[in-house]
C-alpha atoms as a PDB file:
ATOM      1  CA  MET A   1      50.010  49.195 -12.209  1.00  0.00           C
ATOM      2  CA  LYS A   2      50.625  49.464 -15.894  1.00  0.00           C
ATOM      3  CA  SER A   3      51.425  52.800 -17.424  1.00  0.00           C
ATOM      4  CA  ASP A   4      50.007  54.160 -20.655  1.00  0.00           C
ATOM      5  CA  HIS A   5      53.239  53.318 -22.375  1.00  0.00           C
ATOM      6  CA  ASP A   6      52.890  49.633 -21.372  1.00  0.00           C
ATOM      7  CA  HIS A   7      49.331  49.549 -22.756  1.00  0.00           C
ATOM      8  CA  LEU A   8      50.478  51.035 -26.035  1.00  0.00           C
ATOM      9  CA  ASP A   9      53.212  48.394 -26.282  1.00  0.00           C
ATOM     10  CA  GLU A  10      50.665  45.636 -25.732  1.00  0.00           C
ATOM     11  CA  PHE A  11      48.416  47.015 -28.489  1.00  0.00           C
ATOM     12  CA  ALA A  12      51.329  47.311 -30.858  1.00  0.00           C
ATOM     13  CA  ASP A  13      52.303  43.687 -30.189  1.00  0.00           C
ATOM     14  CA  MET A  14      48.721  42.603 -30.810  1.00  0.00           C
ATOM     15  CA  ILE A  15      48.572  44.459 -34.126  1.00  0.00           C
ATOM     16  CA  ASP A  16      51.890  42.907 -35.220  1.00  0.00           C
ATOM     17  CA  GLU A  17      50.556  39.458 -34.337  1.00  0.00           C
ATOM     18  CA  ILE A  18      47.387  40.028 -36.408  1.00  0.00           C
ATOM     19  CA  ARG A  19      49.452  41.224 -39.385  1.00  0.00           C
ATOM     20  CA  SER A  20      51.660  38.139 -39.130  1.00  0.00           C
ATOM     21  CA  VAL A  21      48.649  35.880 -39.640  1.00  0.00           C
ATOM     22  CA  GLY A  22      48.236  37.184 -43.130  1.00  0.00           C
ATOM     23  CA  ASP A  23      45.245  38.127 -45.172  1.00  0.00           C
ATOM     24  CA  VAL A  24      41.898  36.973 -43.881  1.00  0.00           C
ATOM     25  CA  PRO A  25      39.771  35.530 -46.658  1.00  0.00           C
ATOM     26  CA  GLU A  26      36.438  37.150 -47.468  1.00  0.00           C
ATOM     27  CA  PRO A  27      33.420  35.262 -46.062  1.00  0.00           C
ATOM     28  CA  SER A  28      31.081  33.338 -48.322  1.00  0.00           C
ATOM     29  CA  PRO A  29      28.675  35.499 -50.357  1.00  0.00           C
ATOM     30  CA  LEU A  30      25.779  33.897 -48.414  1.00  0.00           C
ATOM     31  CA  PHE A  31      27.285  34.856 -45.051  1.00  0.00           C
ATOM     32  CA  TRP A  32      25.935  38.413 -45.043  1.00  0.00           C
ATOM     33  CA  HIS A  33      22.505  37.256 -46.241  1.00  0.00           C
ATOM     34  CA  HIS A  34      22.278  34.600 -43.500  1.00  0.00           C
ATOM     35  CA  LEU A  35      23.597  37.014 -40.863  1.00  0.00           C
ATOM     36  CA  SER A  36      21.029  39.698 -41.724  1.00  0.00           C
ATOM     37  CA  ALA A  37      18.216  37.062 -41.728  1.00  0.00           C
ATOM     38  CA  ARG A  38      19.256  35.830 -38.260  1.00  0.00           C
ATOM     39  CA  VAL A  39      19.431  39.407 -36.933  1.00  0.00           C
ATOM     40  CA  ARG A  40      15.990  40.202 -38.412  1.00  0.00           C
ATOM     41  CA  ASP A  41      14.454  37.060 -36.827  1.00  0.00           C
ATOM     42  CA  ALA A  42      16.012  37.869 -33.448  1.00  0.00           C
ATOM     43  CA  VAL A  43      14.666  41.414 -33.583  1.00  0.00           C
ATOM     44  CA  VAL A  44      11.153  40.229 -34.515  1.00  0.00           C
ATOM     45  CA  SER A  45      11.057  37.637 -31.711  1.00  0.00           C
ATOM     46  CA  GLU A  46      11.954  40.196 -29.027  1.00  0.00           C
ATOM     47  CA  PRO A  47       8.947  42.151 -27.713  1.00  0.00           C
ATOM     48  CA  ILE A  48       9.212  45.908 -27.816  1.00  0.00           C
ATOM     49  CA  PRO A  49       8.904  47.142 -24.249  1.00  0.00           C
ATOM     50  CA  GLY A  50       6.434  49.959 -23.725  1.00  0.00           C
ATOM     51  CA  PRO A  51       6.643  52.684 -21.121  1.00  0.00           C
ATOM     52  CA  TRP A  52       6.483  51.416 -17.538  1.00  0.00           C
ATOM     53  CA  TRP A  53       3.140  53.099 -16.871  1.00  0.00           C
ATOM     54  CA  MET A  54       1.332  51.322 -19.746  1.00  0.00           C
ATOM     55  CA  GLY A  55       0.911  48.152 -17.645  1.00  0.00           C
ATOM     56  CA  TYR A  56      -0.789  50.036 -14.822  1.00  0.00           C
ATOM     57  CA  TRP A  57      -3.471  52.076 -16.618  1.00  0.00           C
ATOM     58  CA  ARG A  58      -6.201  49.430 -16.559  1.00  0.00           C
ATOM     59  CA  PRO A  59      -6.247  48.810 -12.766  1.00  0.00           C
ATOM     60  CA  VAL A  60      -5.917  52.546 -12.096  1.00  0.00           C
ATOM     61  CA  LEU A  61      -8.789  53.281 -14.483  1.00  0.00           C
ATOM     62  CA  ALA A  62     -10.952  50.568 -12.854  1.00  0.00           C
ATOM     63  CA  ALA A  63     -10.289  51.965  -9.363  1.00  0.00           C
ATOM     64  CA  ALA A  64     -11.043  55.527 -10.504  1.00  0.00           C
ATOM     65  CA  CYS A  65     -14.322  54.422 -12.119  1.00  0.00           C
ATOM     66  CA  THR A  66     -15.353  52.527  -8.977  1.00  0.00           C
ATOM     67  CA  ILE A  67     -14.661  55.551  -6.800  1.00  0.00           C
ATOM     68  CA  ALA A  68     -16.575  57.787  -9.227  1.00  0.00           C
ATOM     69  CA  VAL A  69     -19.615  55.465  -9.182  1.00  0.00           C
ATOM     70  CA  VAL A  70     -19.633  55.372  -5.368  1.00  0.00           C
ATOM     71  CA  VAL A  71     -19.311  59.154  -5.116  1.00  0.00           C
ATOM     72  CA  VAL A  72     -22.102  59.706  -7.646  1.00  0.00           C
ATOM     73  CA  ALA A  73     -24.330  57.176  -5.866  1.00  0.00           C
ATOM     74  CA  VAL A  74     -23.794  58.882  -2.506  1.00  0.00           C
ATOM     75  CA  VAL A  75     -24.159  62.427  -3.809  1.00  0.00           C
ATOM     76  CA  LEU A  76     -27.221  61.743  -5.946  1.00  0.00           C
ATOM     77  CA  GLN A  77     -28.983  59.550  -3.386  1.00  0.00           C
ATOM     78  CA  PRO A  78     -32.390  61.114  -2.766  1.00  0.00           C
ATOM     79  CA  ALA A  79     -32.906  62.255   0.782  1.00  0.00           C
ATOM     80  CA  VAL A  80     -36.013  60.756   2.377  1.00  0.00           C
ATOM     81  CA  PRO A  81     -37.854  63.381   4.394  1.00  0.00           C
ATOM     82  CA  PRO A  82     -38.537  62.385   8.029  1.00  0.00           C
ATOM     83  CA  ALA A  83     -42.279  62.696   7.455  1.00  0.00           C
ATOM     84  CA  ALA A  84     -42.113  60.016   4.745  1.00  0.00           C
ATOM     85  CA  VAL A  85     -40.178  57.692   7.051  1.00  0.00           C
ATOM     86  CA  THR A  86     -42.751  58.186   9.823  1.00  0.00           C
ATOM     87  CA  ALA A  87     -45.632  57.647   7.399  1.00  0.00           C
ATOM     88  CA  ARG A  88     -44.021  54.446   6.099  1.00  0.00           C
ATOM     89  CA  ALA A  89     -43.388  53.171   9.616  1.00  0.00           C
ATOM     90  CA  ALA A  90     -46.977  53.898  10.634  1.00  0.00           C
ATOM     91  CA  HIS A  91     -48.248  52.146   7.512  1.00  0.00           C
ATOM     92  CA  VAL A  92     -46.103  49.063   8.137  1.00  0.00           C
ATOM     93  CA  SER A  93     -46.907  48.811  11.840  1.00  0.00           C
ATOM     94  CA  ALA A  94     -50.640  49.507  11.473  1.00  0.00           C
ATOM     95  CA  PRO A  95     -51.711  45.836  11.103  1.00  0.00           C
ATOM     96  CA  VAL A  96     -49.617  44.869  14.129  1.00  0.00           C
ATOM     97  CA  ALA A  97     -51.185  47.611  16.261  1.00  0.00           C
ATOM     98  CA  ASP A  98     -54.667  46.136  15.672  1.00  0.00           C
ATOM     99  CA  VAL A  99     -53.672  42.924  17.425  1.00  0.00           C
ATOM    100  CA  GLY A 100     -53.441  43.213  21.192  1.00  0.00           C
ATOM    101  CA  VAL A 101     -50.031  42.708  22.763  1.00  0.00           C
ATOM    102  CA  SER A 102     -51.318  39.950  25.003  1.00  0.00           C
ATOM    103  CA  GLU A 103     -52.781  38.130  21.985  1.00  0.00           C
ATOM    104  CA  MET A 104     -49.425  38.304  20.222  1.00  0.00           C
ATOM    105  CA  TRP A 105     -47.618  36.881  23.257  1.00  0.00           C
ATOM    106  CA  ARG A 106     -50.235  34.160  23.542  1.00  0.00           C
ATOM    107  CA  LEU A 107     -49.616  33.228  19.891  1.00  0.00           C
ATOM    108  CA  ILE A 108     -45.854  33.069  20.526  1.00  0.00           C
ATOM    109  CA  GLU A 109     -46.401  30.907  23.616  1.00  0.00           C
ATOM    110  CA  VAL A 110     -48.603  28.462  21.709  1.00  0.00           C
ATOM    111  CA  ALA A 111     -46.334  28.297  18.650  1.00  0.00           C
ATOM    112  CA  SER A 112     -43.024  27.817  20.460  1.00  0.00           C
ATOM    113  CA  PRO A 113     -42.139  24.576  22.213  1.00  0.00           C
ATOM    114  CA  PRO A 114     -41.347  24.693  25.928  1.00  0.00           C
ATOM    115  CA  MET A 115     -37.608  25.106  26.432  1.00  0.00           C
ATOM    116  CA  ALA A 116     -35.413  25.568  29.450  1.00  0.00           C
ATOM    117  CA  LEU A 117     -33.759  28.981  29.719  1.00  0.00           C
ATOM    118  CA  ASP A 118     -30.299  27.384  29.683  1.00  0.00           C
ATOM    119  CA  SER A 119     -30.907  25.668  26.334  1.00  0.00           C
ATOM    120  CA  VAL A 120     -32.252  28.930  24.888  1.00  0.00           C
ATOM    121  CA  GLN A 121     -29.069  30.737  25.973  1.00  0.00           C
ATOM    122  CA  GLU A 122     -26.863  27.930  24.589  1.00  0.00           C
ATOM    123  CA  ALA A 123     -28.652  28.186  21.243  1.00  0.00           C
ATOM    124  CA  GLY A 124     -27.880  31.913  21.166  1.00  0.00           C
ATOM    125  CA  LEU A 125     -31.537  32.928  20.999  1.00  0.00           C
ATOM    126  CA  MET A 126     -31.338  35.468  23.794  1.00  0.00           C
ATOM    127  CA  PRO A 127     -31.334  39.140  22.763  1.00  0.00           C
ATOM    128  CA  SER A 128     -28.146  41.061  23.324  1.00  0.00           C
ATOM    129  CA  ALA A 129     -27.935  43.624  26.113  1.00  0.00           C
ATOM    130  CA  TYR A 130     -27.771  46.364  23.485  1.00  0.00           C
ATOM    131  CA  ALA A 131     -30.979  45.153  21.790  1.00  0.00           C
ATOM    132  CA  THR A 132     -32.742  44.964  25.162  1.00  0.00           C
ATOM    133  CA  ASP A 133     -31.617  48.485  26.093  1.00  0.00           C
ATOM    134  CA  GLN A 134     -32.778  49.812  22.722  1.00  0.00           C
ATOM    135  CA  ALA A 135     -36.177  48.142  23.105  1.00  0.00           C
ATOM    136  CA  ILE A 136     -36.663  49.594  26.602  1.00  0.00           C
ATOM    137  CA  GLN A 137     -35.593  53.073  25.481  1.00  0.00           C
ATOM    138  CA  SER A 138     -38.116  53.008  22.664  1.00  0.00           C
ATOM    139  CA  LEU A 139     -41.001  52.481  25.132  1.00  0.00           C
ATOM    140  CA  THR A 140     -43.263  55.346  26.116  1.00  0.00           C
ATOM    141  CA  PRO A 141     -43.367  56.340  29.810  1.00  0.00           C
ATOM    142  CA  ASP A 142     -46.707  54.525  30.267  1.00  0.00           C
ATOM    143  CA  GLN A 143     -45.288  51.384  28.650  1.00  0.00           C
ATOM    144  CA  ARG A 144     -42.242  51.555  30.936  1.00  0.00           C
ATOM    145  CA  GLU A 145     -44.465  51.784  34.012  1.00  0.00           C
ATOM    146  CA  GLU A 146     -46.397  48.745  32.797  1.00  0.00           C
ATOM    147  CA  LEU A 147     -43.142  46.853  32.188  1.00  0.00           C
ATOM    148  CA  VAL A 148     -41.951  47.616  35.723  1.00  0.00           C
ATOM    149  CA  ARG A 149     -45.320  46.488  37.133  1.00  0.00           C
ATOM    150  CA  LEU A 150     -45.186  43.201  35.197  1.00  0.00           C
ATOM    151  CA  LEU A 151     -41.584  42.534  36.217  1.00  0.00           C
ATOM    152  CA  ARG A 152     -42.367  43.138  39.889  1.00  0.00           C
ATOM    153  CA  LYS A 153     -45.386  40.842  39.626  1.00  0.00           C
ATOM    154  CA  GLU A 154     -43.294  38.078  38.022  1.00  0.00           C
ATOM    155  CA  LEU A 155     -40.512  38.468  40.592  1.00  0.00           C
ATOM    156  CA  GLY A 156     -42.983  38.553  43.476  1.00  0.00           C
ATOM    157  CA  VAL A 157     -41.916  41.996  44.652  1.00  0.00           C
ATOM    158  CA  SER A 158     -44.667  44.008  46.276  1.00  0.00           C
ATOM    159  CA  GLU A 159     -45.135  47.628  45.229  1.00  0.00           C
END
């Protein structure tokens, strides 16, 4: 490893070598003008970088606005009183209640073509077990008794 003294000797030799070359002529008077023009053009062509967070403000602002709109929509959503829901449901189902259930089933039988149960299942037209359970749970006790009676009759099971 070189010591400080060796480094100083190398620098001294380099300075002696530069002095031995002689005087360096002055550059052309246009040199400094051309150099400053090239530096100015290079500086203008380079974009000035902004802070790192400046590129992220638009997506962050969009996400914050979306969250604010959702929160406002949920908070300011008017609550529908249960009585209004019941009144609406009664109003909507009133025309259907006038028609007898057997007449409705008769209309469905006439309108639908005869199909084998297997082809109905393959077409995916069967209700899910969940939908069937929900429909049965929504029946009144009298309607459930009638359903049981009709099922026993169809299956040929005596009461």
